[in-house]
PDB file of N, CA and C in Angstrom:
ATOM      1  N   MET A   1       0.878  -1.143   0.029  1.00  0.00           N
ATOM      2  CA  MET A   1      -0.128  -0.095  -0.099  1.00  0.00           C
ATOM      3  C   MET A   1       0.754   1.203  -0.037  1.00  0.00           C
ATOM      4  N   THR A   2       0.574   2.183  -0.742  1.00  0.00           N
ATOM      5  CA  THR A   2       1.309   3.539  -0.793  1.00  0.00           C
ATOM      6  C   THR A   2       1.072   4.164   0.463  1.00  0.00           C
ATOM      7  N   GLU A   3       2.107   4.821   0.953  1.00  0.00           N
ATOM      8  CA  GLU A   3       2.242   5.535   2.312  1.00  0.00           C
ATOM      9  C   GLU A   3       1.687   7.110   1.675  1.00  0.00           C
ATOM     10  N   ARG A   4       0.928   7.836   2.721  1.00  0.00           N
ATOM     11  CA  ARG A   4       0.519   9.009   2.339  1.00  0.00           C
ATOM     12  C   ARG A   4       1.102  10.027   3.168  1.00  0.00           C
ATOM     13  N   GLY A   5       1.387  11.172   2.641  1.00  0.00           N
ATOM     14  CA  GLY A   5       2.078  12.248   3.480  1.00  0.00           C
ATOM     15  C   GLY A   5       0.889  13.340   3.773  1.00  0.00           C
ATOM     16  N   LEU A   6       1.330  14.631   3.877  1.00  0.00           N
ATOM     17  CA  LEU A   6       0.478  15.488   4.259  1.00  0.00           C
ATOM     18  C   LEU A   6      -0.734  15.903   3.309  1.00  0.00           C
ATOM     19  N   ASP A   7      -1.890  16.145   3.567  1.00  0.00           N
ATOM     20  CA  ASP A   7      -3.010  16.433   2.880  1.00  0.00           C
ATOM     21  C   ASP A   7      -3.156  15.369   1.739  1.00  0.00           C
ATOM     22  N   GLY A   8      -2.970  14.078   1.947  1.00  0.00           N
ATOM     23  CA  GLY A   8      -3.053  12.825   1.203  1.00  0.00           C
ATOM     24  C   GLY A   8      -2.374  12.678   0.078  1.00  0.00           C
ATOM     25  N   ARG A   9      -1.136  13.722  -0.115  1.00  0.00           N
ATOM     26  CA  ARG A   9      -0.327  13.308  -1.396  1.00  0.00           C
ATOM     27  C   ARG A   9       0.619  12.176  -1.207  1.00  0.00           C
ATOM     28  N   ALA A  10       1.125  11.791  -2.219  1.00  0.00           N
ATOM     29  CA  ALA A  10       1.964  10.103  -1.991  1.00  0.00           C
ATOM     30  C   ALA A  10       3.219  10.930  -1.910  1.00  0.00           C
ATOM     31  N   VAL A  11       4.005   9.927  -0.914  1.00  0.00           N
ATOM     32  CA  VAL A  11       5.388  10.161  -0.779  1.00  0.00           C
ATOM     33  C   VAL A  11       6.371   9.124  -1.418  1.00  0.00           C
ATOM     34  N   ASP A  12       7.449   9.663  -1.795  1.00  0.00           N
ATOM     35  CA  ASP A  12       8.434   8.555  -2.324  1.00  0.00           C
ATOM     36  C   ASP A  12       9.318   7.625  -1.387  1.00  0.00           C
ATOM     37  N   GLU A  13      10.192   6.807  -1.783  1.00  0.00           N
ATOM     38  CA  GLU A  13      10.964   6.136  -0.937  1.00  0.00           C
ATOM     39  C   GLU A  13      11.670   6.736   0.119  1.00  0.00           C
ATOM     40  N   ASN A  14      12.130   8.203  -0.114  1.00  0.00           N
ATOM     41  CA  ASN A  14      12.976   9.139   0.751  1.00  0.00           C
ATOM     42  C   ASN A  14      11.905   9.913   1.801  1.00  0.00           C
ATOM     43  N   LYS A  15      10.402   9.504   1.707  1.00  0.00           N
ATOM     44  CA  LYS A  15       9.642  10.198   2.474  1.00  0.00           C
ATOM     45  C   LYS A  15       9.372  11.633   2.207  1.00  0.00           C
ATOM     46  N   ARG A  16       9.785  11.900   0.941  1.00  0.00           N
ATOM     47  CA  ARG A  16       9.336  13.280   0.158  1.00  0.00           C
ATOM     48  C   ARG A  16       8.283  13.426  -0.359  1.00  0.00           C
ATOM     49  N   ILE A  17       7.348  14.566  -0.103  1.00  0.00           N
ATOM     50  CA  ILE A  17       6.110  14.683  -0.431  1.00  0.00           C
ATOM     51  C   ILE A  17       6.219  15.116  -2.057  1.00  0.00           C
ATOM     52  N   ARG A  18       5.258  14.587  -2.891  1.00  0.00           N
ATOM     53  CA  ARG A  18       5.373  14.979  -4.416  1.00  0.00           C
ATOM     54  C   ARG A  18       4.731  16.505  -4.286  1.00  0.00           C
ATOM     55  N   GLU A  19       5.332  17.464  -5.228  1.00  0.00           N
ATOM     56  CA  GLU A  19       4.743  18.778  -5.444  1.00  0.00           C
ATOM     57  C   GLU A  19       3.692  18.632  -6.206  1.00  0.00           C
ATOM     58  N   LYS A  20       2.826  19.696  -6.059  1.00  0.00           N
ATOM     59  CA  LYS A  20       1.652  19.876  -6.745  1.00  0.00           C
ATOM     60  C   LYS A  20       1.798  20.109  -8.203  1.00  0.00           C
ATOM     61  N   ASN A  21       1.124  19.682  -9.048  1.00  0.00           N
ATOM     62  CA  ASN A  21       1.357  20.032 -10.471  1.00  0.00           C
ATOM     63  C   ASN A  21       1.148  21.273 -10.850  1.00  0.00           C
ATOM     64  N   GLY A  22       2.149  21.739 -11.721  1.00  0.00           N
ATOM     65  CA  GLY A  22       1.783  23.219 -11.890  1.00  0.00           C
ATOM     66  C   GLY A  22       0.776  23.644 -12.918  1.00  0.00           C
ATOM     67  N   ALA A  23       0.202  22.485 -13.506  1.00  0.00           N
ATOM     68  CA  ALA A  23      -0.962  23.011 -14.499  1.00  0.00           C
ATOM     69  C   ALA A  23      -2.226  22.923 -13.801  1.00  0.00           C
ATOM     70  N   ALA A  24      -2.020  22.589 -12.489  1.00  0.00           N
ATOM     71  CA  ALA A  24      -3.439  22.814 -11.601  1.00  0.00           C
ATOM     72  C   ALA A  24      -3.831  24.155 -11.645  1.00  0.00           C
ATOM     73  N   LEU A  25      -5.272  24.046 -11.921  1.00  0.00           N
ATOM     74  CA  LEU A  25      -6.113  25.474 -11.684  1.00  0.00           C
ATOM     75  C   LEU A  25      -6.195  25.778 -10.225  1.00  0.00           C
ATOM     76  N   MET A  26      -6.286  27.067 -10.211  1.00  0.00           N
ATOM     77  CA  MET A  26      -6.571  27.734  -8.942  1.00  0.00           C
ATOM     78  C   MET A  26      -7.975  27.240  -8.494  1.00  0.00           C
ATOM     79  N   GLY A  27      -9.012  27.108  -9.392  1.00  0.00           N
ATOM     80  CA  GLY A  27     -10.211  26.773  -8.888  1.00  0.00           C
ATOM     81  C   GLY A  27     -10.475  25.602  -8.352  1.00  0.00           C
ATOM     82  N   ASN A  28      -9.669  24.555  -8.914  1.00  0.00           N
ATOM     83  CA  ASN A  28      -9.601  23.220  -8.342  1.00  0.00           C
ATOM     84  C   ASN A  28      -8.481  23.225  -6.911  1.00  0.00           C
ATOM     85  N   LEU A  29      -7.653  23.983  -6.980  1.00  0.00           N
ATOM     86  CA  LEU A  29      -7.141  23.919  -5.657  1.00  0.00           C
ATOM     87  C   LEU A  29      -7.945  24.552  -4.503  1.00  0.00           C
ATOM     88  N   ALA A  30      -8.516  25.636  -4.845  1.00  0.00           N
ATOM     89  CA  ALA A  30      -9.300  26.227  -3.848  1.00  0.00           C
ATOM     90  C   ALA A  30     -10.093  25.275  -3.126  1.00  0.00           C
ATOM     91  N   LYS A  31     -10.490  23.910  -3.730  1.00  0.00           N
ATOM     92  CA  LYS A  31     -11.574  23.235  -2.905  1.00  0.00           C
ATOM     93  C   LYS A  31     -10.645  22.634  -1.851  1.00  0.00           C
ATOM     94  N   THR A  32      -9.534  22.493  -1.888  1.00  0.00           N
ATOM     95  CA  THR A  32      -8.548  21.937  -0.814  1.00  0.00           C
ATOM     96  C   THR A  32      -8.117  23.248  -0.017  1.00  0.00           C
ATOM     97  N   TYR A  33      -7.588  24.584  -0.660  1.00  0.00           N
ATOM     98  CA  TYR A  33      -7.243  25.539   0.081  1.00  0.00           C
ATOM     99  C   TYR A  33      -8.117  26.644  -0.277  1.00  0.00           C
ATOM    100  N   PRO A  34      -9.054  26.789   0.589  1.00  0.00           N
ATOM    101  CA  PRO A  34      -9.984  28.169   0.143  1.00  0.00           C
ATOM    102  C   PRO A  34      -9.459  29.399   0.073  1.00  0.00           C
ATOM    103  N   GLU A  35      -8.392  29.642   0.750  1.00  0.00           N
ATOM    104  CA  GLU A  35      -7.664  31.002   0.584  1.00  0.00           C
ATOM    105  C   GLU A  35      -7.226  31.323  -0.727  1.00  0.00           C
ATOM    106  N   LEU A  36      -7.207  30.406  -1.610  1.00  0.00           N
ATOM    107  CA  LEU A  36      -6.700  30.622  -2.997  1.00  0.00           C
ATOM    108  C   LEU A  36      -7.953  31.291  -3.922  1.00  0.00           C
ATOM    109  N   ARG A  37      -8.955  31.315  -3.218  1.00  0.00           N
ATOM    110  CA  ARG A  37     -10.126  31.719  -4.301  1.00  0.00           C
ATOM    111  C   ARG A  37      -9.925  33.450  -4.505  1.00  0.00           C
ATOM    112  N   VAL A  38      -8.820  33.974  -3.923  1.00  0.00           N
ATOM    113  CA  VAL A  38      -8.688  35.395  -4.317  1.00  0.00           C
ATOM    114  C   VAL A  38      -7.914  35.463  -5.799  1.00  0.00           C
ATOM    115  N   PHE A  39      -7.586  34.211  -6.188  1.00  0.00           N
ATOM    116  CA  PHE A  39      -6.984  34.316  -7.711  1.00  0.00           C
ATOM    117  C   PHE A  39      -8.314  33.688  -8.414  1.00  0.00           C
ATOM    118  N   SER A  40      -7.900  34.062  -9.924  1.00  0.00           N
ATOM    119  CA  SER A  40      -8.892  33.581 -10.860  1.00  0.00           C
ATOM    120  C   SER A  40      -8.788  31.992 -11.039  1.00  0.00           C
ATOM    121  N   PRO A  41     -10.150  31.339 -11.172  1.00  0.00           N
ATOM    122  CA  PRO A  41     -10.202  29.952 -11.156  1.00  0.00           C
ATOM    123  C   PRO A  41      -9.577  29.409 -12.443  1.00  0.00           C
ATOM    124  N   GLN A  42      -9.460  30.379 -13.360  1.00  0.00           N
ATOM    125  CA  GLN A  42      -8.598  29.598 -14.535  1.00  0.00           C
ATOM    126  C   GLN A  42      -7.267  29.888 -14.494  1.00  0.00           C
ATOM    127  N   ALA A  43      -6.422  30.562 -13.584  1.00  0.00           N
ATOM    128  CA  ALA A  43      -4.983  30.836 -13.363  1.00  0.00           C
ATOM    129  C   ALA A  43      -4.788  29.274 -12.805  1.00  0.00           C
ATOM    130  N   THR A  44      -3.371  29.314 -13.450  1.00  0.00           N
ATOM    131  CA  THR A  44      -2.533  27.867 -13.163  1.00  0.00           C
ATOM    132  C   THR A  44      -1.763  28.214 -12.121  1.00  0.00           C
ATOM    133  N   LEU A  45      -1.186  27.105 -11.430  1.00  0.00           N
ATOM    134  CA  LEU A  45      -0.356  27.191 -10.211  1.00  0.00           C
ATOM    135  C   LEU A  45       1.041  27.881 -10.929  1.00  0.00           C
ATOM    136  N   THR A  46       1.527  27.425 -11.745  1.00  0.00           N
ATOM    137  CA  THR A  46       2.731  27.805 -12.399  1.00  0.00           C
ATOM    138  C   THR A  46       2.581  29.330 -12.696  1.00  0.00           C
ATOM    139  N   GLY A  47       1.542  29.673 -13.324  1.00  0.00           N
ATOM    140  CA  GLY A  47       1.440  30.990 -13.911  1.00  0.00           C
ATOM    141  C   GLY A  47       1.505  31.850 -12.536  1.00  0.00           C
ATOM    142  N   ILE A  48       0.956  31.645 -11.339  1.00  0.00           N
ATOM    143  CA  ILE A  48       0.692  32.510 -10.282  1.00  0.00           C
ATOM    144  C   ILE A  48       2.035  32.372  -9.740  1.00  0.00           C
ATOM    145  N   ARG A  49       2.947  31.157  -9.564  1.00  0.00           N
ATOM    146  CA  ARG A  49       4.256  31.185  -9.163  1.00  0.00           C
ATOM    147  C   ARG A  49       5.234  32.222  -9.879  1.00  0.00           C
ATOM    148  N   LYS A  50       5.117  32.163 -11.217  1.00  0.00           N
ATOM    149  CA  LYS A  50       5.931  33.028 -12.057  1.00  0.00           C
ATOM    150  C   LYS A  50       5.373  34.631 -11.865  1.00  0.00           C
ATOM    151  N   ARG A  51       4.114  34.933 -11.871  1.00  0.00           N
ATOM    152  CA  ARG A  51       3.718  36.087 -11.894  1.00  0.00           C
ATOM    153  C   ARG A  51       4.391  36.921 -10.336  1.00  0.00           C
ATOM    154  N   HIS A  52       4.199  36.205  -9.327  1.00  0.00           N
ATOM    155  CA  HIS A  52       4.549  36.748  -7.961  1.00  0.00           C
ATOM    156  C   HIS A  52       5.901  36.213  -7.474  1.00  0.00           C
ATOM    157  N   GLY A  53       6.574  35.592  -8.322  1.00  0.00           N
ATOM    158  CA  GLY A  53       8.114  35.174  -7.770  1.00  0.00           C
ATOM    159  C   GLY A  53       8.190  34.176  -6.791  1.00  0.00           C
ATOM    160  N   VAL A  54       7.221  33.383  -6.500  1.00  0.00           N
ATOM    161  CA  VAL A  54       7.397  32.575  -5.553  1.00  0.00           C
ATOM    162  C   VAL A  54       7.504  30.994  -5.889  1.00  0.00           C
ATOM    163  N   THR A  55       7.923  29.966  -5.064  1.00  0.00           N
ATOM    164  CA  THR A  55       8.335  28.684  -5.719  1.00  0.00           C
ATOM    165  C   THR A  55       7.330  27.640  -5.103  1.00  0.00           C
ATOM    166  N   SER A  56       6.841  27.745  -3.865  1.00  0.00           N
ATOM    167  CA  SER A  56       5.997  26.523  -3.308  1.00  0.00           C
ATOM    168  C   SER A  56       4.418  26.930  -3.236  1.00  0.00           C
ATOM    169  N   ILE A  57       3.699  25.971  -2.944  1.00  0.00           N
ATOM    170  CA  ILE A  57       2.264  26.182  -2.917  1.00  0.00           C
ATOM    171  C   ILE A  57       2.162  26.957  -1.242  1.00  0.00           C
ATOM    172  N   ALA A  58       3.047  26.466  -0.547  1.00  0.00           N
ATOM    173  CA  ALA A  58       2.847  27.262   1.001  1.00  0.00           C
ATOM    174  C   ALA A  58       3.082  28.868   0.582  1.00  0.00           C
ATOM    175  N   GLU A  59       4.063  29.221  -0.101  1.00  0.00           N
ATOM    176  CA  GLU A  59       4.192  30.564  -0.375  1.00  0.00           C
ATOM    177  C   GLU A  59       2.875  31.432  -1.152  1.00  0.00           C
ATOM    178  N   VAL A  60       2.341  30.577  -1.907  1.00  0.00           N
ATOM    179  CA  VAL A  60       1.152  30.933  -2.826  1.00  0.00           C
ATOM    180  C   VAL A  60       0.077  31.121  -1.833  1.00  0.00           C
ATOM    181  N   ARG A  61       0.041  30.165  -0.744  1.00  0.00           N
ATOM    182  CA  ARG A  61      -1.288  30.313   0.248  1.00  0.00           C
ATOM    183  C   ARG A  61      -0.884  31.542   1.047  1.00  0.00           C
ATOM    184  N   ARG A  62       0.313  31.878   1.301  1.00  0.00           N
ATOM    185  CA  ARG A  62       0.541  33.003   2.147  1.00  0.00           C
ATOM    186  C   ARG A  62       0.507  34.289   1.411  1.00  0.00           C
ATOM    187  N   LEU A  63       0.663  34.274   0.106  1.00  0.00           N
ATOM    188  CA  LEU A  63       0.404  35.499  -0.674  1.00  0.00           C
ATOM    189  C   LEU A  63      -1.088  35.531  -0.958  1.00  0.00           C
ATOM    190  N   ALA A  64      -1.880  34.486  -0.966  1.00  0.00           N
ATOM    191  CA  ALA A  64      -3.397  34.565  -0.948  1.00  0.00           C
ATOM    192  C   ALA A  64      -4.041  35.183   0.131  1.00  0.00           C
ATOM    193  N   ALA A  65      -3.453  34.625   1.368  1.00  0.00           N
ATOM    194  CA  ALA A  65      -4.055  35.274   2.702  1.00  0.00           C
ATOM    195  C   ALA A  65      -3.508  36.717   2.654  1.00  0.00           C
ATOM    196  N   LYS A  66      -2.415  37.072   2.388  1.00  0.00           N
ATOM    197  CA  LYS A  66      -2.241  38.484   2.165  1.00  0.00           C
ATOM    198  C   LYS A  66      -3.085  39.401   1.610  1.00  0.00           C
ATOM    199  N   LYS A  67      -3.266  38.943   0.196  1.00  0.00           N
ATOM    200  CA  LYS A  67      -4.132  39.492  -0.741  1.00  0.00           C
ATOM    201  C   LYS A  67      -5.619  39.767  -0.080  1.00  0.00           C
ATOM    202  N   ALA A  68      -6.073  38.775   0.599  1.00  0.00           N
ATOM    203  CA  ALA A  68      -7.362  38.624   1.092  1.00  0.00           C
ATOM    204  C   ALA A  68      -7.362  39.663   2.466  1.00  0.00           C
ATOM    205  N   SER A  69      -6.407  39.834   3.041  1.00  0.00           N
ATOM    206  CA  SER A  69      -6.486  40.633   4.129  1.00  0.00           C
ATOM    207  C   SER A  69      -6.479  42.256   3.680  1.00  0.00           C
ATOM    208  N   GLN A  70      -6.075  42.514   2.715  1.00  0.00           N
ATOM    209  CA  GLN A  70      -5.918  43.836   1.978  1.00  0.00           C
ATOM    210  C   GLN A  70      -7.005  44.144   1.333  1.00  0.00           C
ATOM    211  N   ARG A  71      -8.156  43.344   1.016  1.00  0.00           N
ATOM    212  CA  ARG A  71      -9.329  43.687   0.581  1.00  0.00           C
ATOM    213  C   ARG A  71     -10.351  44.500   1.488  1.00  0.00           C
TER     214      ARG A  71
END
């Protein structure tokens, strides 16, 4: 049986969690991470990362929380 890491993602033999796919749409990711609703549902994770100069989903989530608090 495949071992699972945080939020149900698969882990490899070194116990590293697989990164989210960059082609994932913000609308789909917002189902798991509601704070991402501040972005367009059609925007991709890679597009958001490049546009804002961040590298991880955790940084994107922090950016989203910051944007939400500025509204």
